[in-house]
């Protein structure tokens, strides 16, 4: 027996009115923070 259904996730948040920089899986406020996130990831820091 196969059951069909619908799943969804609804999120809401307060606007922060800050700059957003996105690259790959990372979302930060500046390009410098993105570069640091990639470096930290490559060095297995998180």
PDB file of N, CA and C in Angstrom:
ATOM      1  N   UNK A   1       0.854  -1.178   0.000  1.00  0.00           N
ATOM      2  CA  UNK A   1       0.000   0.000   0.000  1.00  0.00           C
ATOM      3  C   UNK A   1       0.899   1.241   0.000  1.00  0.00           C
ATOM      4  N   UNK A   2       0.630   2.150  -0.914  1.00  0.00           N
ATOM      5  CA  UNK A   2       1.393   3.384  -1.031  1.00  0.00           C
ATOM      6  C   UNK A   2       0.525   4.545  -0.572  1.00  0.00           C
ATOM      7  N   UNK A   3       1.073   5.332   0.344  1.00  0.00           N
ATOM      8  CA  UNK A   3       0.349   6.507   0.816  1.00  0.00           C
ATOM      9  C   UNK A   3       0.965   7.751   0.202  1.00  0.00           C
ATOM     10  N   UNK A   4       0.138   8.598  -0.337  1.00  0.00           N
ATOM     11  CA  UNK A   4       0.601   9.871  -0.879  1.00  0.00           C
ATOM     12  C   UNK A   4       0.223  10.979   0.088  1.00  0.00           C
ATOM     13  N   UNK A   5       1.113  11.905   0.245  1.00  0.00           N
ATOM     14  CA  UNK A   5       0.834  13.005   1.151  1.00  0.00           C
ATOM     15  C   UNK A   5       1.661  14.220   0.757  1.00  0.00           C
ATOM     16  N   UNK A   6       1.467  15.246   1.482  1.00  0.00           N
ATOM     17  CA  UNK A   6       2.177  16.492   1.237  1.00  0.00           C
ATOM     18  C   UNK A   6       2.919  16.879   2.506  1.00  0.00           C
ATOM     19  N   UNK A   7       4.171  17.288   2.321  1.00  0.00           N
ATOM     20  CA  UNK A   7       4.956  17.801   3.432  1.00  0.00           C
ATOM     21  C   UNK A   7       5.472  19.174   3.048  1.00  0.00           C
ATOM     22  N   UNK A   8       5.493  20.054   3.992  1.00  0.00           N
ATOM     23  CA  UNK A   8       6.054  21.367   3.725  1.00  0.00           C
ATOM     24  C   UNK A   8       6.595  21.949   5.010  1.00  0.00           C
ATOM     25  N   UNK A   9       7.481  22.903   4.831  1.00  0.00           N
ATOM     26  CA  UNK A   9       8.092  23.596   5.958  1.00  0.00           C
ATOM     27  C   UNK A   9       7.927  25.081   5.695  1.00  0.00           C
ATOM     28  N   UNK A  10       7.313  25.770   6.606  1.00  0.00           N
ATOM     29  CA  UNK A  10       7.077  27.207   6.475  1.00  0.00           C
ATOM     30  C   UNK A  10       7.918  27.913   7.527  1.00  0.00           C
ATOM     31  N   UNK A  11       8.786  28.808   7.070  1.00  0.00           N
ATOM     32  CA  UNK A  11       9.639  29.554   7.984  1.00  0.00           C
ATOM     33  C   UNK A  11       9.364  31.038   7.861  1.00  0.00           C
ATOM     34  N   UNK A  12       9.518  31.718   8.944  1.00  0.00           N
ATOM     35  CA  UNK A  12       9.334  33.164   8.963  1.00  0.00           C
ATOM     36  C   UNK A  12      10.391  33.763   9.869  1.00  0.00           C
ATOM     37  N   UNK A  13      10.884  34.932   9.484  1.00  0.00           N
ATOM     38  CA  UNK A  13      11.911  35.582  10.302  1.00  0.00           C
ATOM     39  C   UNK A  13      11.800  37.086  10.169  1.00  0.00           C
ATOM     40  N   UNK A  14      12.343  37.757  11.131  1.00  0.00           N
ATOM     41  CA  UNK A  14      12.374  39.216  11.127  1.00  0.00           C
ATOM     42  C   UNK A  14      13.488  39.692  10.183  1.00  0.00           C
ATOM     43  N   UNK A  15      13.207  40.696   9.372  1.00  0.00           N
ATOM     44  CA  UNK A  15      14.223  41.244   8.476  1.00  0.00           C
ATOM     45  C   UNK A  15      15.314  41.932   9.287  1.00  0.00           C
ATOM     46  N   UNK A  16      16.561  41.679   8.899  1.00  0.00           N
ATOM     47  CA  UNK A  16      17.688  42.268   9.616  1.00  0.00           C
ATOM     48  C   UNK A  16      18.227  43.530   8.955  1.00  0.00           C
ATOM     49  N   UNK A  17      17.872  43.764   7.703  1.00  0.00           N
ATOM     50  CA  UNK A  17      18.344  44.927   6.945  1.00  0.00           C
ATOM     51  C   UNK A  17      19.870  44.989   6.913  1.00  0.00           C
ATOM     52  N   UNK A  18      20.500  43.850   6.634  1.00  0.00           N
ATOM     53  CA  UNK A  18      21.945  43.738   6.516  1.00  0.00           C
ATOM     54  C   UNK A  18      22.281  43.205   5.131  1.00  0.00           C
ATOM     55  N   UNK A  19      23.499  43.479   4.655  1.00  0.00           N
ATOM     56  CA  UNK A  19      23.905  42.931   3.354  1.00  0.00           C
ATOM     57  C   UNK A  19      24.010  41.409   3.421  1.00  0.00           C
ATOM     58  N   UNK A  20      23.763  40.769   2.284  1.00  0.00           N
ATOM     59  CA  UNK A  20      23.831  39.314   2.200  1.00  0.00           C
ATOM     60  C   UNK A  20      24.726  38.947   1.025  1.00  0.00           C
ATOM     61  N   UNK A  21      25.694  38.060   1.288  1.00  0.00           N
ATOM     62  CA  UNK A  21      26.568  37.528   0.245  1.00  0.00           C
ATOM     63  C   UNK A  21      26.431  36.016   0.294  1.00  0.00           C
ATOM     64  N   UNK A  22      26.128  35.401  -0.842  1.00  0.00           N
ATOM     65  CA  UNK A  22      25.946  33.954  -0.908  1.00  0.00           C
ATOM     66  C   UNK A  22      26.910  33.382  -1.936  1.00  0.00           C
ATOM     67  N   UNK A  23      27.581  32.296  -1.575  1.00  0.00           N
ATOM     68  CA  UNK A  23      28.443  31.587  -2.513  1.00  0.00           C
ATOM     69  C   UNK A  23      28.455  30.127  -2.097  1.00  0.00           C
ATOM     70  N   UNK A  24      28.040  29.256  -3.001  1.00  0.00           N
ATOM     71  CA  UNK A  24      27.964  27.837  -2.662  1.00  0.00           C
ATOM     72  C   UNK A  24      27.016  27.641  -1.490  1.00  0.00           C
ATOM     73  N   UNK A  25      27.447  26.845  -0.514  1.00  0.00           N
ATOM     74  CA  UNK A  25      26.561  26.576   0.631  1.00  0.00           C
ATOM     75  C   UNK A  25      26.616  27.652   1.717  1.00  0.00           C
ATOM     76  N   UNK A  26      27.447  28.669   1.515  1.00  0.00           N
ATOM     77  CA  UNK A  26      27.657  29.661   2.566  1.00  0.00           C
ATOM     78  C   UNK A  26      26.889  30.946   2.296  1.00  0.00           C
ATOM     79  N   UNK A  27      26.346  31.509   3.358  1.00  0.00           N
ATOM     80  CA  UNK A  27      25.665  32.802   3.304  1.00  0.00           C
ATOM     81  C   UNK A  27      26.222  33.636   4.451  1.00  0.00           C
ATOM     82  N   UNK A  28      26.798  34.757   4.110  1.00  0.00           N
ATOM     83  CA  UNK A  28      27.423  35.627   5.100  1.00  0.00           C
ATOM     84  C   UNK A  28      27.035  37.075   4.796  1.00  0.00           C
ATOM     85  N   UNK A  29      27.677  38.018   5.501  1.00  0.00           N
ATOM     86  CA  UNK A  29      27.401  39.436   5.280  1.00  0.00           C
ATOM     87  C   UNK A  29      28.410  40.109   4.363  1.00  0.00           C
ATOM     88  N   UNK A  30      29.616  39.550   4.236  1.00  0.00           N
ATOM     89  CA  UNK A  30      30.636  40.154   3.372  1.00  0.00           C
ATOM     90  C   UNK A  30      31.356  39.070   2.577  1.00  0.00           C
ATOM     91  N   UNK A  31      32.007  39.483   1.502  1.00  0.00           N
ATOM     92  CA  UNK A  31      32.805  38.560   0.697  1.00  0.00           C
ATOM     93  C   UNK A  31      33.972  38.013   1.532  1.00  0.00           C
ATOM     94  N   UNK A  32      34.530  38.838   2.382  1.00  0.00           N
ATOM     95  CA  UNK A  32      35.629  38.401   3.248  1.00  0.00           C
ATOM     96  C   UNK A  32      35.185  37.264   4.177  1.00  0.00           C
ATOM     97  N   UNK A  33      33.976  37.361   4.708  1.00  0.00           N
ATOM     98  CA  UNK A  33      33.450  36.298   5.563  1.00  0.00           C
ATOM     99  C   UNK A  33      33.237  35.009   4.771  1.00  0.00           C
ATOM    100  N   UNK A  34      32.810  35.130   3.514  1.00  0.00           N
ATOM    101  CA  UNK A  34      32.658  33.959   2.641  1.00  0.00           C
ATOM    102  C   UNK A  34      34.007  33.283   2.445  1.00  0.00           C
ATOM    103  N   UNK A  35      35.036  34.074   2.155  1.00  0.00           N
ATOM    104  CA  UNK A  35      36.374  33.514   1.960  1.00  0.00           C
ATOM    105  C   UNK A  35      36.853  32.807   3.224  1.00  0.00           C
ATOM    106  N   UNK A  36      36.593  33.400   4.383  1.00  0.00           N
ATOM    107  CA  UNK A  36      36.983  32.785   5.652  1.00  0.00           C
ATOM    108  C   UNK A  36      36.219  31.482   5.877  1.00  0.00           C
ATOM    109  N   UNK A  37      34.958  31.445   5.517  1.00  0.00           N
ATOM    110  CA  UNK A  37      34.154  30.231   5.674  1.00  0.00           C
ATOM    111  C   UNK A  37      34.709  29.107   4.801  1.00  0.00           C
ATOM    112  N   UNK A  38      35.076  29.410   3.546  1.00  0.00           N
ATOM    113  CA  UNK A  38      35.674  28.402   2.675  1.00  0.00           C
ATOM    114  C   UNK A  38      36.994  27.906   3.253  1.00  0.00           C
ATOM    115  N   UNK A  39      37.812  28.818   3.756  1.00  0.00           N
ATOM    116  CA  UNK A  39      39.090  28.445   4.349  1.00  0.00           C
ATOM    117  C   UNK A  39      38.871  27.545   5.566  1.00  0.00           C
ATOM    118  N   UNK A  40      37.948  27.939   6.437  1.00  0.00           N
ATOM    119  CA  UNK A  40      37.657  27.141   7.621  1.00  0.00           C
ATOM    120  C   UNK A  40      37.147  25.753   7.228  1.00  0.00           C
ATOM    121  N   UNK A  41      36.310  25.686   6.207  1.00  0.00           N
ATOM    122  CA  UNK A  41      35.791  24.410   5.740  1.00  0.00           C
ATOM    123  C   UNK A  41      36.920  23.525   5.205  1.00  0.00           C
ATOM    124  N   UNK A  42      37.800  24.105   4.407  1.00  0.00           N
ATOM    125  CA  UNK A  42      38.914  23.352   3.839  1.00  0.00           C
ATOM    126  C   UNK A  42      39.873  22.862   4.922  1.00  0.00           C
ATOM    127  N   UNK A  43      39.985  23.610   6.008  1.00  0.00           N
ATOM    128  CA  UNK A  43      40.870  23.224   7.116  1.00  0.00           C
ATOM    129  C   UNK A  43      40.146  22.360   8.153  1.00  0.00           C
ATOM    130  N   UNK A  44      38.926  21.925   7.817  1.00  0.00           N
ATOM    131  CA  UNK A  44      38.093  21.081   8.697  1.00  0.00           C
ATOM    132  C   UNK A  44      37.879  21.719  10.067  1.00  0.00           C
ATOM    133  N   UNK A  45      37.641  23.013  10.067  1.00  0.00           N
ATOM    134  CA  UNK A  45      37.411  23.709  11.339  1.00  0.00           C
ATOM    135  C   UNK A  45      35.957  23.689  11.770  1.00  0.00           C
ATOM    136  N   UNK A  46      35.078  23.211  10.894  1.00  0.00           N
ATOM    137  CA  UNK A  46      33.686  23.039  11.321  1.00  0.00           C
ATOM    138  C   UNK A  46      33.050  21.929  10.559  1.00  0.00           C
TER     139      UNK A  46
END
